[in-house]
Amino acid sequence: MPGIDPKAPEKLERFKVAMGHPCSILECVIRNKVDHCLRCDQFPCELHYQQGGPFSQKTLDISKGVLGKK
């Protein structure tokens, strides 16, 4: 679900109830008002490395190289 979707906060709340903790990645896209991590200027960020989200570390490292980030 895109972070700019009006229903994103509702989904975040359902996730909190179901899992007992928030989804940090969904919180981040909502806070930064982006529809998806791949469209965020900060991607790949430390949150992905720390959370072990949908991208492997190798994919994140490759993305950094392609985007010219350190």
C-alpha atoms as a PDB file:
ATOM      1  CA  MET A   1       0.000   0.000   0.000  1.00  0.00           C
ATOM      2  CA  PRO A   2       1.445   3.349  -0.968  1.00  0.00           C
ATOM      3  CA  GLY A   3       2.417   5.692   1.820  1.00  0.00           C
ATOM      4  CA  ILE A   4       0.339   8.471   0.299  1.00  0.00           C
ATOM      5  CA  ASP A   5      -2.830   6.354   0.200  1.00  0.00           C
ATOM      6  CA  PRO A   6      -5.450   7.840   2.547  1.00  0.00           C
ATOM      7  CA  LYS A   7      -5.967   4.360   4.022  1.00  0.00           C
ATOM      8  CA  ALA A   8      -2.264   3.868   4.873  1.00  0.00           C
ATOM      9  CA  PRO A   9      -2.583   5.107   8.490  1.00  0.00           C
ATOM     10  CA  GLU A  10      -5.515   2.738   9.005  1.00  0.00           C
ATOM     11  CA  LYS A  11      -3.472  -0.166   7.661  1.00  0.00           C
ATOM     12  CA  LEU A  12      -0.601   0.833   9.961  1.00  0.00           C
ATOM     13  CA  GLU A  13      -2.948   0.681  12.958  1.00  0.00           C
ATOM     14  CA  ARG A  14      -4.239  -2.756  11.927  1.00  0.00           C
ATOM     15  CA  PHE A  15      -0.640  -3.949  11.601  1.00  0.00           C
ATOM     16  CA  LYS A  16       0.145  -2.677  15.108  1.00  0.00           C
ATOM     17  CA  VAL A  17      -2.831  -4.551  16.560  1.00  0.00           C
ATOM     18  CA  ALA A  18      -2.136  -7.767  14.651  1.00  0.00           C
ATOM     19  CA  MET A  19       1.642  -7.864  15.130  1.00  0.00           C
ATOM     20  CA  GLY A  20       1.982  -6.012  18.413  1.00  0.00           C
ATOM     21  CA  HIS A  21       4.360  -3.440  16.942  1.00  0.00           C
ATOM     22  CA  PRO A  22       4.306  -0.896  14.109  1.00  0.00           C
ATOM     23  CA  CYS A  23       5.706  -1.464  10.629  1.00  0.00           C
ATOM     24  CA  SER A  24       8.663   0.921  10.587  1.00  0.00           C
ATOM     25  CA  ILE A  25       8.836   0.996   6.812  1.00  0.00           C
ATOM     26  CA  LEU A  26       5.147   1.880   6.419  1.00  0.00           C
ATOM     27  CA  GLU A  27       5.520   4.537   9.124  1.00  0.00           C
ATOM     28  CA  CYS A  28       8.440   5.996   7.194  1.00  0.00           C
ATOM     29  CA  VAL A  29       6.673   6.233   3.809  1.00  0.00           C
ATOM     30  CA  ILE A  30       3.650   7.824   5.502  1.00  0.00           C
ATOM     31  CA  ARG A  31       5.876  10.311   7.370  1.00  0.00           C
ATOM     32  CA  ASN A  32       7.871  11.169   4.218  1.00  0.00           C
ATOM     33  CA  LYS A  33       4.742  11.308   2.030  1.00  0.00           C
ATOM     34  CA  VAL A  34       6.079   9.000  -0.661  1.00  0.00           C
ATOM     35  CA  ASP A  35       4.090   6.328  -2.397  1.00  0.00           C
ATOM     36  CA  HIS A  36       6.864   3.723  -2.173  1.00  0.00           C
ATOM     37  CA  CYS A  37      10.394   3.419  -0.798  1.00  0.00           C
ATOM     38  CA  LEU A  38      11.861   3.185  -4.287  1.00  0.00           C
ATOM     39  CA  ARG A  39      10.595   6.698  -4.975  1.00  0.00           C
ATOM     40  CA  CYS A  40      12.130   8.186  -1.849  1.00  0.00           C
ATOM     41  CA  ASP A  41      15.243  10.335  -2.216  1.00  0.00           C
ATOM     42  CA  GLN A  42      16.738   8.590   0.816  1.00  0.00           C
ATOM     43  CA  PHE A  43      16.391   5.040  -0.557  1.00  0.00           C
ATOM     44  CA  PRO A  44      18.127   2.825   0.295  1.00  0.00           C
ATOM     45  CA  CYS A  45      18.262   4.042   3.863  1.00  0.00           C
ATOM     46  CA  GLU A  46      19.459   2.461   7.083  1.00  0.00           C
ATOM     47  CA  LEU A  47      15.913   1.485   7.990  1.00  0.00           C
ATOM     48  CA  HIS A  48      15.972  -1.160   5.276  1.00  0.00           C
ATOM     49  CA  TYR A  49      19.323  -2.502   6.438  1.00  0.00           C
ATOM     50  CA  GLN A  50      18.139  -2.611  10.055  1.00  0.00           C
ATOM     51  CA  GLN A  51      14.645  -3.989   9.492  1.00  0.00           C
ATOM     52  CA  GLY A  52      15.457  -6.612   6.895  1.00  0.00           C
ATOM     53  CA  GLY A  53      12.478  -5.480   4.847  1.00  0.00           C
ATOM     54  CA  PRO A  54      11.567  -6.738   1.404  1.00  0.00           C
ATOM     55  CA  PHE A  55      15.043  -6.076  -0.019  1.00  0.00           C
ATOM     56  CA  SER A  56      18.128  -8.165   0.635  1.00  0.00           C
ATOM     57  CA  GLN A  57      21.332  -6.460   1.748  1.00  0.00           C
ATOM     58  CA  LYS A  58      22.863  -7.279  -1.624  1.00  0.00           C
ATOM     59  CA  THR A  59      19.968  -5.591  -3.439  1.00  0.00           C
ATOM     60  CA  LEU A  60      20.298  -2.527  -1.207  1.00  0.00           C
ATOM     61  CA  ASP A  61      24.054  -2.362  -1.859  1.00  0.00           C
ATOM     62  CA  ILE A  62      23.516  -2.678  -5.622  1.00  0.00           C
ATOM     63  CA  SER A  63      20.863   0.051  -5.470  1.00  0.00           C
ATOM     64  CA  LYS A  64      23.296   2.346  -3.690  1.00  0.00           C
ATOM     65  CA  GLY A  65      25.866   1.764  -6.416  1.00  0.00           C
ATOM     66  CA  VAL A  66      23.392   2.373  -9.223  1.00  0.00           C
ATOM     67  CA  LEU A  67      22.143   5.552  -7.544  1.00  0.00           C
ATOM     68  CA  GLY A  68      25.688   6.761  -6.829  1.00  0.00           C
ATOM     69  CA  LYS A  69      25.260   6.768  -3.065  1.00  0.00           C
ATOM     70  CA  LYS A  70      27.842   5.765  -0.469  1.00  0.00           C
END
